[in-house]
Amino acid sequence: AKYDLPQRFVAGVSYQPYDGVTTSLDLNRLAGQEETELWGGAEFSVFEYVKLRFGGTTNPNRFSAGLGLEVEGFQLDYAMRTHSELGETHMIGWTYSF
């Protein structure tokens, strides 16, 4: 069977106003849809290895928050995102960079 995958167009910027603070803003649109989503977020380095993250989107309005721990190339991430139909979604990620 043949399935067409949706195409998403994204344009964004990020800005680091202070050491340890990064903000971002993205415009997102699915091909064939008229509505454009606005995604925004911020990451704060609160300790040497700890990062707090907050974000939000429009169309639909959603909120997200998370925490990241990074030690010697290993990174453990947790995030919570609200959703209009699913309620809260919890995500965990594990990354190793070398």
C-alpha atoms as a PDB file:
ATOM      1  CA  ALA A   1       0.000   0.000   0.000  1.00  0.00           C
ATOM      2  CA  LYS A   2       1.160   3.533  -0.689  1.00  0.00           C
ATOM      3  CA  TYR A   3       1.007   6.181   2.020  1.00  0.00           C
ATOM      4  CA  ASP A   4       1.823   9.851   1.588  1.00  0.00           C
ATOM      5  CA  LEU A   5       3.677  11.261   4.551  1.00  0.00           C
ATOM      6  CA  PRO A   6       2.671  14.773   5.646  1.00  0.00           C
ATOM      7  CA  GLN A   7       5.084  17.567   4.800  1.00  0.00           C
ATOM      8  CA  ARG A   8       5.850  20.185   7.412  1.00  0.00           C
ATOM      9  CA  PHE A   9       7.518  23.513   6.718  1.00  0.00           C
ATOM     10  CA  VAL A  10       9.422  25.042   9.630  1.00  0.00           C
ATOM     11  CA  ALA A  11      11.298  28.331  10.049  1.00  0.00           C
ATOM     12  CA  GLY A  12      12.761  29.377  13.353  1.00  0.00           C
ATOM     13  CA  VAL A  13      15.240  31.442  15.289  1.00  0.00           C
ATOM     14  CA  SER A  14      16.975  31.044  18.610  1.00  0.00           C
ATOM     15  CA  TYR A  15      18.612  33.653  20.783  1.00  0.00           C
ATOM     16  CA  GLN A  16      20.862  33.453  23.827  1.00  0.00           C
ATOM     17  CA  PRO A  17      20.244  36.721  25.742  1.00  0.00           C
ATOM     18  CA  TYR A  18      22.372  35.642  28.715  1.00  0.00           C
ATOM     19  CA  ASP A  19      24.848  32.900  29.493  1.00  0.00           C
ATOM     20  CA  GLY A  20      22.809  29.824  30.413  1.00  0.00           C
ATOM     21  CA  VAL A  21      19.553  31.068  28.829  1.00  0.00           C
ATOM     22  CA  THR A  22      18.392  30.122  25.328  1.00  0.00           C
ATOM     23  CA  THR A  23      15.070  31.136  23.763  1.00  0.00           C
ATOM     24  CA  SER A  24      13.543  29.926  20.498  1.00  0.00           C
ATOM     25  CA  LEU A  25      10.632  30.757  18.236  1.00  0.00           C
ATOM     26  CA  ASP A  26       9.417  28.623  15.289  1.00  0.00           C
ATOM     27  CA  LEU A  27       6.672  28.962  12.688  1.00  0.00           C
ATOM     28  CA  ASN A  28       5.264  25.581  11.566  1.00  0.00           C
ATOM     29  CA  ARG A  29       2.811  24.741   8.805  1.00  0.00           C
ATOM     30  CA  LEU A  30       1.608  21.414   7.469  1.00  0.00           C
ATOM     31  CA  ALA A  31       1.382  21.311   3.679  1.00  0.00           C
ATOM     32  CA  GLY A  32      -2.206  21.793   2.511  1.00  0.00           C
ATOM     33  CA  GLN A  33      -3.382  23.509   5.716  1.00  0.00           C
ATOM     34  CA  GLU A  34      -4.047  27.201   6.155  1.00  0.00           C
ATOM     35  CA  GLU A  35      -3.250  27.439   9.877  1.00  0.00           C
ATOM     36  CA  THR A  36       0.288  28.200  10.988  1.00  0.00           C
ATOM     37  CA  GLU A  37       1.467  27.072  14.407  1.00  0.00           C
ATOM     38  CA  LEU A  38       3.711  29.245  16.547  1.00  0.00           C
ATOM     39  CA  TRP A  39       6.119  27.337  18.791  1.00  0.00           C
ATOM     40  CA  GLY A  40       8.170  29.049  21.468  1.00  0.00           C
ATOM     41  CA  GLY A  41      10.357  27.966  24.321  1.00  0.00           C
ATOM     42  CA  ALA A  42      13.190  28.674  26.705  1.00  0.00           C
ATOM     43  CA  GLU A  43      15.939  26.659  28.342  1.00  0.00           C
ATOM     44  CA  PHE A  44      17.630  27.707  31.578  1.00  0.00           C
ATOM     45  CA  SER A  45      20.868  26.218  32.919  1.00  0.00           C
ATOM     46  CA  VAL A  46      20.199  26.318  36.653  1.00  0.00           C
ATOM     47  CA  PHE A  47      23.261  24.306  37.704  1.00  0.00           C
ATOM     48  CA  GLU A  48      26.267  23.023  35.792  1.00  0.00           C
ATOM     49  CA  TYR A  49      24.473  19.785  34.834  1.00  0.00           C
ATOM     50  CA  VAL A  50      20.780  20.749  35.147  1.00  0.00           C
ATOM     51  CA  LYS A  51      18.581  22.443  32.533  1.00  0.00           C
ATOM     52  CA  LEU A  52      14.955  23.510  32.905  1.00  0.00           C
ATOM     53  CA  ARG A  53      12.816  23.875  29.782  1.00  0.00           C
ATOM     54  CA  PHE A  54       9.454  25.533  29.176  1.00  0.00           C
ATOM     55  CA  GLY A  55       7.506  25.979  25.963  1.00  0.00           C
ATOM     56  CA  GLY A  56       4.192  26.460  24.282  1.00  0.00           C
ATOM     57  CA  THR A  57       2.421  26.194  20.948  1.00  0.00           C
ATOM     58  CA  THR A  58      -0.648  27.645  19.267  1.00  0.00           C
ATOM     59  CA  ASN A  59      -3.271  25.903  17.090  1.00  0.00           C
ATOM     60  CA  PRO A  60      -3.978  24.105  19.417  1.00  0.00           C
ATOM     61  CA  ASN A  61      -2.722  25.867  22.518  1.00  0.00           C
ATOM     62  CA  ARG A  62      -0.385  23.539  24.414  1.00  0.00           C
ATOM     63  CA  PHE A  63       2.157  23.891  27.203  1.00  0.00           C
ATOM     64  CA  SER A  64       5.295  21.866  27.864  1.00  0.00           C
ATOM     65  CA  ALA A  65       7.898  21.723  30.616  1.00  0.00           C
ATOM     66  CA  GLY A  66      10.951  19.586  31.117  1.00  0.00           C
ATOM     67  CA  LEU A  67      14.186  18.857  32.881  1.00  0.00           C
ATOM     68  CA  GLY A  68      17.528  17.728  31.494  1.00  0.00           C
ATOM     69  CA  LEU A  69      20.534  16.262  33.282  1.00  0.00           C
ATOM     70  CA  GLU A  70      23.846  16.144  31.403  1.00  0.00           C
ATOM     71  CA  VAL A  71      27.046  14.495  32.667  1.00  0.00           C
ATOM     72  CA  GLU A  72      30.122  13.645  30.563  1.00  0.00           C
ATOM     73  CA  GLY A  73      28.289  13.190  27.262  1.00  0.00           C
ATOM     74  CA  PHE A  74      25.265  11.411  28.754  1.00  0.00           C
ATOM     75  CA  GLN A  75      21.981  13.290  28.804  1.00  0.00           C
ATOM     76  CA  LEU A  76      18.736  12.230  30.492  1.00  0.00           C
ATOM     77  CA  ASP A  77      15.627  14.261  29.580  1.00  0.00           C
ATOM     78  CA  TYR A  78      12.098  14.305  30.954  1.00  0.00           C
ATOM     79  CA  ALA A  79       9.268  16.376  29.489  1.00  0.00           C
ATOM     80  CA  MET A  80       5.540  16.831  30.061  1.00  0.00           C
ATOM     81  CA  ARG A  81       3.264  18.212  27.358  1.00  0.00           C
ATOM     82  CA  THR A  82      -0.408  19.061  27.550  1.00  0.00           C
ATOM     83  CA  HIS A  83      -2.723  17.964  24.747  1.00  0.00           C
ATOM     84  CA  SER A  84      -6.347  18.867  24.061  1.00  0.00           C
ATOM     85  CA  GLU A  85      -7.425  15.233  23.492  1.00  0.00           C
ATOM     86  CA  LEU A  86      -4.776  13.166  25.289  1.00  0.00           C
ATOM     87  CA  GLY A  87      -4.392  15.259  28.427  1.00  0.00           C
ATOM     88  CA  GLU A  88      -0.819  15.160  29.713  1.00  0.00           C
ATOM     89  CA  THR A  89       1.861  13.240  27.824  1.00  0.00           C
ATOM     90  CA  HIS A  90       5.097  12.324  29.577  1.00  0.00           C
ATOM     91  CA  MET A  91       8.309  11.671  27.627  1.00  0.00           C
ATOM     92  CA  ILE A  92      11.738  10.378  28.646  1.00  0.00           C
ATOM     93  CA  GLY A  93      14.870  10.485  26.513  1.00  0.00           C
ATOM     94  CA  TRP A  94      18.417   9.192  26.903  1.00  0.00           C
ATOM     95  CA  THR A  95      21.260  10.498  24.703  1.00  0.00           C
ATOM     96  CA  TYR A  96      24.973   9.917  24.507  1.00  0.00           C
ATOM     97  CA  SER A  97      27.167  12.355  22.550  1.00  0.00           C
ATOM     98  CA  PHE A  98      30.748  11.553  21.627  1.00  0.00           C
END
